[in-house]
Amino acid sequence: SAFWDSWYAQQNDTPVEWSSQLNAEVMTRIKAILEQLPAPEDGKKLVLLELGCGSSSFTLMLRDIGFDVVGADFSQEVITANRLRHPKIRWECADAMKLDEVFEPGSFDCIIGKTLLDCFMTRRDAAQSIRKMLEQCHKALKAPHGRLVFLDKGSAYHFIGRGRVEKLKVNAGRSMHLHMMRVSGSQAAGGSDGEPFGGANQWELDLPALHGHLSTTLDCDRGAVVVSAVAADS
């Protein structure tokens, strides 16, 4: 965190937009994902965590489309600045791989990270670090409906192997990967095979049909993907 504290201090309290400012099309897609979540109790809003918020305006944009948002970042410097700049929003200094030191289990309906995986993929221990982060996100999400959404320049699907990835245009000539994962209702309380929270089987796997000739289903009891041939006219 010392590096990021120093870096943000040098910005002289100037907000920084990582990658780019998100356009209305991207925000509409994110809102559509969030609207698939169960409606909260009367008088309450869905609770979101923007993980790795930095000093960008994304937390504010999520708040402005109707959600109760918490911003979290590894840098105390930027969190302190955000608290002064936007005192009505909750800001917390938190390590993405140690979220349970700050947040109670089941605190959030959705966790969103913008350019977070891009940062993790620069690490030498990217695979292990991303796994730890997923385990922590799984704990912090509400079961069984919690969602985890990443928006990054690069795709980390080869590290994660779960969820669904879409490519969205954020402005002229630039696109980002939107990666959405859902907590698995069948194993939301912990893995039956001894895996810690956030193991591969703890996240639902989207299984689209393959070329119209093969269908795939997930056998949760056996933890296996079943591939079946289907008739061409079915």
C-alpha atoms as a PDB file:
ATOM      1  CA  SER A   1       0.000   0.000   0.000  1.00  0.00           C
ATOM      2  CA  ALA A   2       2.979   2.326   0.498  1.00  0.00           C
ATOM      3  CA  PHE A   3       3.505   2.554  -3.265  1.00  0.00           C
ATOM      4  CA  TRP A   4      -0.136   3.500  -3.935  1.00  0.00           C
ATOM      5  CA  ASP A   5      -0.246   5.906  -0.995  1.00  0.00           C
ATOM      6  CA  SER A   6       2.755   7.718  -2.461  1.00  0.00           C
ATOM      7  CA  TRP A   7       1.340   7.617  -5.993  1.00  0.00           C
ATOM      8  CA  TYR A   8      -2.043   9.061  -5.016  1.00  0.00           C
ATOM      9  CA  ALA A   9      -0.359  11.732  -2.853  1.00  0.00           C
ATOM     10  CA  GLN A  10       1.484  12.931  -5.979  1.00  0.00           C
ATOM     11  CA  GLN A  11      -1.822  13.415  -7.847  1.00  0.00           C
ATOM     12  CA  ASN A  12      -2.585  16.487  -5.694  1.00  0.00           C
ATOM     13  CA  ASP A  13      -6.156  15.366  -4.979  1.00  0.00           C
ATOM     14  CA  THR A  14      -6.945  15.088  -8.708  1.00  0.00           C
ATOM     15  CA  PRO A  15      -9.373  12.207  -9.482  1.00  0.00           C
ATOM     16  CA  VAL A  16      -7.929   9.554 -11.785  1.00  0.00           C
ATOM     17  CA  GLU A  17     -10.024   7.470 -14.193  1.00  0.00           C
ATOM     18  CA  TRP A  18      -8.332   4.120 -14.799  1.00  0.00           C
ATOM     19  CA  SER A  19      -8.642   2.873 -18.403  1.00  0.00           C
ATOM     20  CA  SER A  20     -11.368   5.387 -19.307  1.00  0.00           C
ATOM     21  CA  GLN A  21     -14.614   6.993 -18.243  1.00  0.00           C
ATOM     22  CA  LEU A  22     -17.476   4.535 -18.708  1.00  0.00           C
ATOM     23  CA  ASN A  23     -20.152   5.472 -21.212  1.00  0.00           C
ATOM     24  CA  ALA A  24     -23.923   5.191 -20.903  1.00  0.00           C
ATOM     25  CA  GLU A  25     -24.000   1.887 -22.818  1.00  0.00           C
ATOM     26  CA  VAL A  26     -21.680   0.195 -20.305  1.00  0.00           C
ATOM     27  CA  MET A  27     -23.565   1.598 -17.326  1.00  0.00           C
ATOM     28  CA  THR A  28     -26.858   0.390 -18.836  1.00  0.00           C
ATOM     29  CA  ARG A  29     -25.410  -3.128 -19.151  1.00  0.00           C
ATOM     30  CA  ILE A  30     -24.141  -3.087 -15.567  1.00  0.00           C
ATOM     31  CA  LYS A  31     -27.507  -1.831 -14.317  1.00  0.00           C
ATOM     32  CA  ALA A  32     -29.260  -4.642 -16.196  1.00  0.00           C
ATOM     33  CA  ILE A  33     -27.065  -7.202 -14.406  1.00  0.00           C
ATOM     34  CA  LEU A  34     -27.782  -5.635 -11.040  1.00  0.00           C
ATOM     35  CA  GLU A  35     -31.521  -5.530 -11.713  1.00  0.00           C
ATOM     36  CA  GLN A  36     -31.487  -9.336 -12.010  1.00  0.00           C
ATOM     37  CA  LEU A  37     -30.752  -9.525  -8.282  1.00  0.00           C
ATOM     38  CA  PRO A  38     -33.651 -10.137  -5.871  1.00  0.00           C
ATOM     39  CA  ALA A  39     -35.418  -6.940  -4.881  1.00  0.00           C
ATOM     40  CA  PRO A  40     -34.364  -5.665  -1.447  1.00  0.00           C
ATOM     41  CA  GLU A  41     -36.757  -5.150   1.432  1.00  0.00           C
ATOM     42  CA  ASP A  42     -39.086  -2.158   1.216  1.00  0.00           C
ATOM     43  CA  GLY A  43     -37.259   1.084   1.861  1.00  0.00           C
ATOM     44  CA  LYS A  44     -33.819  -0.444   1.273  1.00  0.00           C
ATOM     45  CA  LYS A  45     -31.411  -0.546  -1.661  1.00  0.00           C
ATOM     46  CA  LEU A  46     -29.140  -3.262  -2.984  1.00  0.00           C
ATOM     47  CA  VAL A  47     -25.718  -2.971  -1.352  1.00  0.00           C
ATOM     48  CA  LEU A  48     -22.707  -2.915  -3.672  1.00  0.00           C
ATOM     49  CA  LEU A  49     -18.974  -2.865  -3.066  1.00  0.00           C
ATOM     50  CA  GLU A  50     -16.677  -1.221  -5.583  1.00  0.00           C
ATOM     51  CA  LEU A  51     -13.422  -3.046  -4.948  1.00  0.00           C
ATOM     52  CA  GLY A  52     -10.273  -1.155  -5.922  1.00  0.00           C
ATOM     53  CA  CYS A  53     -12.205   2.102  -6.254  1.00  0.00           C
ATOM     54  CA  GLY A  54      -9.205   4.444  -6.394  1.00  0.00           C
ATOM     55  CA  SER A  55     -10.306   8.027  -6.972  1.00  0.00           C
ATOM     56  CA  SER A  56     -12.463   7.386 -10.036  1.00  0.00           C
ATOM     57  CA  SER A  57     -16.106   8.395 -10.380  1.00  0.00           C
ATOM     58  CA  PHE A  58     -17.407   4.823 -10.779  1.00  0.00           C
ATOM     59  CA  THR A  59     -18.628   4.591  -7.167  1.00  0.00           C
ATOM     60  CA  LEU A  60     -20.582   7.809  -7.683  1.00  0.00           C
ATOM     61  CA  MET A  61     -22.045   6.528 -10.949  1.00  0.00           C
ATOM     62  CA  LEU A  62     -23.270   3.350  -9.221  1.00  0.00           C
ATOM     63  CA  ARG A  63     -24.806   5.428  -6.445  1.00  0.00           C
ATOM     64  CA  ASP A  64     -26.507   7.703  -8.957  1.00  0.00           C
ATOM     65  CA  ILE A  65     -28.307   4.797 -10.681  1.00  0.00           C
ATOM     66  CA  GLY A  66     -29.939   3.824  -7.415  1.00  0.00           C
ATOM     67  CA  PHE A  67     -27.696   1.629  -5.297  1.00  0.00           C
ATOM     68  CA  ASP A  68     -26.149   1.802  -1.829  1.00  0.00           C
ATOM     69  CA  VAL A  69     -22.424   1.693  -2.613  1.00  0.00           C
ATOM     70  CA  VAL A  70     -19.314   1.190  -0.494  1.00  0.00           C
ATOM     71  CA  GLY A  71     -15.923   2.098  -1.981  1.00  0.00           C
ATOM     72  CA  ALA A  72     -12.859   0.102  -0.924  1.00  0.00           C
ATOM     73  CA  ASP A  73      -9.214   0.437  -1.896  1.00  0.00           C
ATOM     74  CA  PHE A  74      -5.790  -0.780  -0.737  1.00  0.00           C
ATOM     75  CA  SER A  75      -4.541   2.810  -0.360  1.00  0.00           C
ATOM     76  CA  GLN A  76      -5.392   4.682   2.836  1.00  0.00           C
ATOM     77  CA  GLU A  77      -4.290   7.889   1.087  1.00  0.00           C
ATOM     78  CA  VAL A  78      -7.009   7.682  -1.539  1.00  0.00           C
ATOM     79  CA  ILE A  79      -9.644   6.496   0.956  1.00  0.00           C
ATOM     80  CA  THR A  80      -8.941   9.503   3.189  1.00  0.00           C
ATOM     81  CA  ALA A  81      -9.247  11.819   0.178  1.00  0.00           C
ATOM     82  CA  ASN A  82     -12.512  10.160  -0.899  1.00  0.00           C
ATOM     83  CA  ARG A  83     -13.972  10.567   2.590  1.00  0.00           C
ATOM     84  CA  LEU A  84     -13.251  14.282   2.473  1.00  0.00           C
ATOM     85  CA  ARG A  85     -14.534  14.645  -1.081  1.00  0.00           C
ATOM     86  CA  HIS A  86     -17.707  12.550  -0.677  1.00  0.00           C
ATOM     87  CA  PRO A  87     -18.505  12.217   3.060  1.00  0.00           C
ATOM     88  CA  LYS A  88     -21.969  10.703   2.523  1.00  0.00           C
ATOM     89  CA  ILE A  89     -20.488   7.539   0.977  1.00  0.00           C
ATOM     90  CA  ARG A  90     -18.838   4.830   3.061  1.00  0.00           C
ATOM     91  CA  TRP A  91     -15.174   4.393   2.154  1.00  0.00           C
ATOM     92  CA  GLU A  92     -12.963   1.651   3.597  1.00  0.00           C
ATOM     93  CA  CYS A  93      -9.269   0.825   3.293  1.00  0.00           C
ATOM     94  CA  ALA A  94      -9.191  -2.902   2.522  1.00  0.00           C
ATOM     95  CA  ASP A  95      -6.918  -5.482   0.919  1.00  0.00           C
ATOM     96  CA  ALA A  96      -8.837  -7.404  -1.763  1.00  0.00           C
ATOM     97  CA  MET A  97      -7.232 -10.609  -0.466  1.00  0.00           C
ATOM     98  CA  LYS A  98      -8.218  -9.856   3.163  1.00  0.00           C
ATOM     99  CA  LEU A  99     -11.746  -8.488   2.899  1.00  0.00           C
ATOM    100  CA  ASP A 100     -12.879 -10.468   5.951  1.00  0.00           C
ATOM    101  CA  GLU A 101     -10.695  -8.212   8.096  1.00  0.00           C
ATOM    102  CA  VAL A 102     -13.009  -5.293   7.247  1.00  0.00           C
ATOM    103  CA  PHE A 103     -16.380  -6.681   6.128  1.00  0.00           C
ATOM    104  CA  GLU A 104     -18.722  -9.222   7.709  1.00  0.00           C
ATOM    105  CA  PRO A 105     -19.682 -12.339   5.698  1.00  0.00           C
ATOM    106  CA  GLY A 106     -22.667 -11.756   3.420  1.00  0.00           C
ATOM    107  CA  SER A 107     -22.362  -7.973   3.447  1.00  0.00           C
ATOM    108  CA  PHE A 108     -22.972  -7.302  -0.247  1.00  0.00           C
ATOM    109  CA  ASP A 109     -25.430  -8.172  -2.985  1.00  0.00           C
ATOM    110  CA  CYS A 110     -22.749  -7.481  -5.587  1.00  0.00           C
ATOM    111  CA  ILE A 111     -19.036  -6.714  -5.741  1.00  0.00           C
ATOM    112  CA  ILE A 112     -17.736  -4.788  -8.762  1.00  0.00           C
ATOM    113  CA  GLY A 113     -14.105  -4.208  -9.695  1.00  0.00           C
ATOM    114  CA  LYS A 114     -12.986  -1.898 -12.523  1.00  0.00           C
ATOM    115  CA  THR A 115      -9.453  -2.630 -13.815  1.00  0.00           C
ATOM    116  CA  LEU A 116      -8.918  -4.769 -10.703  1.00  0.00           C
ATOM    117  CA  LEU A 117      -8.073  -7.967 -12.588  1.00  0.00           C
ATOM    118  CA  ASP A 118      -5.788  -5.953 -14.876  1.00  0.00           C
ATOM    119  CA  CYS A 119      -3.745  -5.084 -11.775  1.00  0.00           C
ATOM    120  CA  PHE A 120      -3.782  -8.651 -10.435  1.00  0.00           C
ATOM    121  CA  MET A 121      -2.638 -10.070 -13.775  1.00  0.00           C
ATOM    122  CA  THR A 122       0.592  -8.061 -13.578  1.00  0.00           C
ATOM    123  CA  ARG A 123       1.634  -9.988 -10.466  1.00  0.00           C
ATOM    124  CA  ARG A 124       4.054 -12.912 -10.651  1.00  0.00           C
ATOM    125  CA  ASP A 125       1.652 -14.887  -8.459  1.00  0.00           C
ATOM    126  CA  ALA A 126      -1.406 -13.822 -10.453  1.00  0.00           C
ATOM    127  CA  ALA A 127      -3.190 -17.189 -10.336  1.00  0.00           C
ATOM    128  CA  GLN A 128      -2.793 -17.625  -6.580  1.00  0.00           C
ATOM    129  CA  SER A 129      -3.637 -13.991  -5.830  1.00  0.00           C
ATOM    130  CA  ILE A 130      -6.774 -14.020  -7.968  1.00  0.00           C
ATOM    131  CA  ARG A 131      -7.900 -17.202  -6.226  1.00  0.00           C
ATOM    132  CA  LYS A 132      -7.424 -15.597  -2.797  1.00  0.00           C
ATOM    133  CA  MET A 133      -9.360 -12.549  -3.940  1.00  0.00           C
ATOM    134  CA  LEU A 134     -12.209 -14.727  -5.239  1.00  0.00           C
ATOM    135  CA  GLU A 135     -12.349 -16.607  -1.930  1.00  0.00           C
ATOM    136  CA  GLN A 136     -12.659 -13.312  -0.067  1.00  0.00           C
ATOM    137  CA  CYS A 137     -15.308 -11.980  -2.444  1.00  0.00           C
ATOM    138  CA  HIS A 138     -17.294 -15.183  -2.014  1.00  0.00           C
ATOM    139  CA  LYS A 139     -17.331 -14.700   1.754  1.00  0.00           C
ATOM    140  CA  ALA A 140     -18.419 -11.078   1.478  1.00  0.00           C
ATOM    141  CA  LEU A 141     -21.287 -11.782  -0.942  1.00  0.00           C
ATOM    142  CA  LYS A 142     -24.800 -12.700   0.100  1.00  0.00           C
ATOM    143  CA  ALA A 143     -25.783 -16.288  -0.626  1.00  0.00           C
ATOM    144  CA  PRO A 144     -27.261 -17.634  -2.761  1.00  0.00           C
ATOM    145  CA  HIS A 145     -27.794 -14.676  -5.096  1.00  0.00           C
ATOM    146  CA  GLY A 146     -24.521 -12.723  -4.874  1.00  0.00           C
ATOM    147  CA  ARG A 147     -22.873 -11.422  -8.037  1.00  0.00           C
ATOM    148  CA  LEU A 148     -19.247 -10.612  -8.793  1.00  0.00           C
ATOM    149  CA  VAL A 149     -18.578  -8.313 -11.756  1.00  0.00           C
ATOM    150  CA  PHE A 150     -15.209  -7.329 -13.211  1.00  0.00           C
ATOM    151  CA  LEU A 151     -14.561  -4.737 -15.922  1.00  0.00           C
ATOM    152  CA  ASP A 152     -11.037  -4.849 -17.347  1.00  0.00           C
ATOM    153  CA  LYS A 153      -9.021  -4.223 -20.487  1.00  0.00           C
ATOM    154  CA  GLY A 154      -7.786  -7.809 -20.485  1.00  0.00           C
ATOM    155  CA  SER A 155      -9.692 -11.033 -19.857  1.00  0.00           C
ATOM    156  CA  ALA A 156      -8.729 -13.195 -16.856  1.00  0.00           C
ATOM    157  CA  TYR A 157     -10.994 -16.082 -17.835  1.00  0.00           C
ATOM    158  CA  HIS A 158      -7.957 -18.328 -18.293  1.00  0.00           C
ATOM    159  CA  PHE A 159      -7.230 -17.837 -14.586  1.00  0.00           C
ATOM    160  CA  ILE A 160     -10.831 -18.133 -13.350  1.00  0.00           C
ATOM    161  CA  GLY A 161     -12.595 -20.560 -15.686  1.00  0.00           C
ATOM    162  CA  ARG A 162     -16.061 -19.608 -14.456  1.00  0.00           C
ATOM    163  CA  GLY A 163     -18.736 -17.078 -15.306  1.00  0.00           C
ATOM    164  CA  ARG A 164     -19.471 -15.241 -18.534  1.00  0.00           C
ATOM    165  CA  VAL A 165     -17.341 -12.705 -20.389  1.00  0.00           C
ATOM    166  CA  GLU A 166     -18.633 -10.008 -22.726  1.00  0.00           C
ATOM    167  CA  LYS A 167     -16.721  -7.387 -24.678  1.00  0.00           C
ATOM    168  CA  LEU A 168     -18.120  -3.871 -24.340  1.00  0.00           C
ATOM    169  CA  LYS A 169     -17.099  -0.702 -26.154  1.00  0.00           C
ATOM    170  CA  VAL A 170     -16.352   2.056 -23.637  1.00  0.00           C
ATOM    171  CA  ASN A 171     -15.459   4.748 -26.176  1.00  0.00           C
ATOM    172  CA  ALA A 172     -14.223   5.121 -29.744  1.00  0.00           C
ATOM    173  CA  GLY A 173     -11.510   2.567 -30.402  1.00  0.00           C
ATOM    174  CA  ARG A 174     -11.448   1.117 -26.885  1.00  0.00           C
ATOM    175  CA  SER A 175     -13.263  -1.844 -25.366  1.00  0.00           C
ATOM    176  CA  MET A 176     -13.240  -3.675 -22.044  1.00  0.00           C
ATOM    177  CA  HIS A 177     -14.110  -7.177 -20.882  1.00  0.00           C
ATOM    178  CA  LEU A 178     -17.098  -7.533 -18.554  1.00  0.00           C
ATOM    179  CA  HIS A 179     -16.819 -10.749 -16.518  1.00  0.00           C
ATOM    180  CA  MET A 180     -19.846 -11.727 -14.402  1.00  0.00           C
ATOM    181  CA  MET A 181     -19.946 -14.580 -11.869  1.00  0.00           C
ATOM    182  CA  ARG A 182     -22.737 -15.887  -9.659  1.00  0.00           C
ATOM    183  CA  VAL A 183     -22.456 -17.557  -6.273  1.00  0.00           C
ATOM    184  CA  SER A 184     -23.430 -21.211  -6.627  1.00  0.00           C
ATOM    185  CA  GLY A 185     -26.626 -21.851  -4.674  1.00  0.00           C
ATOM    186  CA  SER A 186     -25.791 -25.548  -4.364  1.00  0.00           C
ATOM    187  CA  GLN A 187     -22.580 -24.902  -2.471  1.00  0.00           C
ATOM    188  CA  ALA A 188     -23.054 -21.412  -1.104  1.00  0.00           C
ATOM    189  CA  ALA A 189     -22.220 -22.414   2.456  1.00  0.00           C
ATOM    190  CA  GLY A 190     -18.920 -24.097   1.688  1.00  0.00           C
ATOM    191  CA  GLY A 191     -17.511 -26.794  -0.580  1.00  0.00           C
ATOM    192  CA  SER A 192     -18.423 -30.396   0.063  1.00  0.00           C
ATOM    193  CA  ASP A 193     -15.031 -31.444  -1.260  1.00  0.00           C
ATOM    194  CA  GLY A 194     -13.140 -29.466   1.349  1.00  0.00           C
ATOM    195  CA  GLU A 195     -12.357 -26.494  -0.867  1.00  0.00           C
ATOM    196  CA  PRO A 196     -12.306 -23.121   0.878  1.00  0.00           C
ATOM    197  CA  PHE A 197     -14.837 -20.442   0.002  1.00  0.00           C
ATOM    198  CA  GLY A 198     -14.373 -19.255  -3.546  1.00  0.00           C
ATOM    199  CA  GLY A 199     -13.056 -22.528  -4.960  1.00  0.00           C
ATOM    200  CA  ALA A 200     -13.928 -23.231  -8.584  1.00  0.00           C
ATOM    201  CA  ASN A 201     -17.072 -25.204  -7.681  1.00  0.00           C
ATOM    202  CA  GLN A 202     -18.347 -22.332  -5.561  1.00  0.00           C
ATOM    203  CA  TRP A 203     -19.153 -20.213  -8.629  1.00  0.00           C
ATOM    204  CA  GLU A 204     -21.833 -21.136 -11.146  1.00  0.00           C
ATOM    205  CA  LEU A 205     -20.628 -22.024 -14.629  1.00  0.00           C
ATOM    206  CA  ASP A 206     -22.569 -20.607 -17.583  1.00  0.00           C
ATOM    207  CA  LEU A 207     -22.975 -23.357 -20.163  1.00  0.00           C
ATOM    208  CA  PRO A 208     -24.213 -22.193 -23.573  1.00  0.00           C
ATOM    209  CA  ALA A 209     -25.004 -24.666 -26.347  1.00  0.00           C
ATOM    210  CA  LEU A 210     -22.071 -25.536 -28.604  1.00  0.00           C
ATOM    211  CA  HIS A 211     -22.640 -24.888 -32.330  1.00  0.00           C
ATOM    212  CA  GLY A 212     -26.252 -26.102 -32.048  1.00  0.00           C
ATOM    213  CA  HIS A 213     -25.171 -29.776 -32.080  1.00  0.00           C
ATOM    214  CA  LEU A 214     -23.991 -30.241 -28.500  1.00  0.00           C
ATOM    215  CA  SER A 215     -25.632 -29.231 -25.244  1.00  0.00           C
ATOM    216  CA  THR A 216     -23.912 -28.843 -21.895  1.00  0.00           C
ATOM    217  CA  THR A 217     -25.295 -29.162 -18.394  1.00  0.00           C
ATOM    218  CA  LEU A 218     -23.686 -28.943 -14.982  1.00  0.00           C
ATOM    219  CA  ASP A 219     -24.092 -31.923 -12.644  1.00  0.00           C
ATOM    220  CA  CYS A 220     -23.624 -30.169  -9.276  1.00  0.00           C
ATOM    221  CA  ASP A 221     -23.733 -33.412  -7.298  1.00  0.00           C
ATOM    222  CA  ARG A 222     -20.762 -34.843  -9.168  1.00  0.00           C
ATOM    223  CA  GLY A 223     -19.092 -31.531  -9.977  1.00  0.00           C
ATOM    224  CA  ALA A 224     -18.982 -32.490 -13.660  1.00  0.00           C
ATOM    225  CA  VAL A 225     -19.911 -30.955 -16.997  1.00  0.00           C
ATOM    226  CA  VAL A 226     -22.138 -33.293 -19.060  1.00  0.00           C
ATOM    227  CA  VAL A 227     -21.942 -32.876 -22.851  1.00  0.00           C
ATOM    228  CA  SER A 228     -24.754 -34.421 -24.907  1.00  0.00           C
ATOM    229  CA  ALA A 229     -25.449 -34.645 -28.634  1.00  0.00           C
ATOM    230  CA  VAL A 230     -28.714 -33.093 -29.795  1.00  0.00           C
ATOM    231  CA  ALA A 231     -30.652 -33.483 -33.007  1.00  0.00           C
ATOM    232  CA  ALA A 232     -30.028 -30.775 -35.567  1.00  0.00           C
ATOM    233  CA  ASP A 233     -33.718 -29.861 -35.657  1.00  0.00           C
ATOM    234  CA  SER A 234     -34.296 -29.928 -31.888  1.00  0.00           C
END
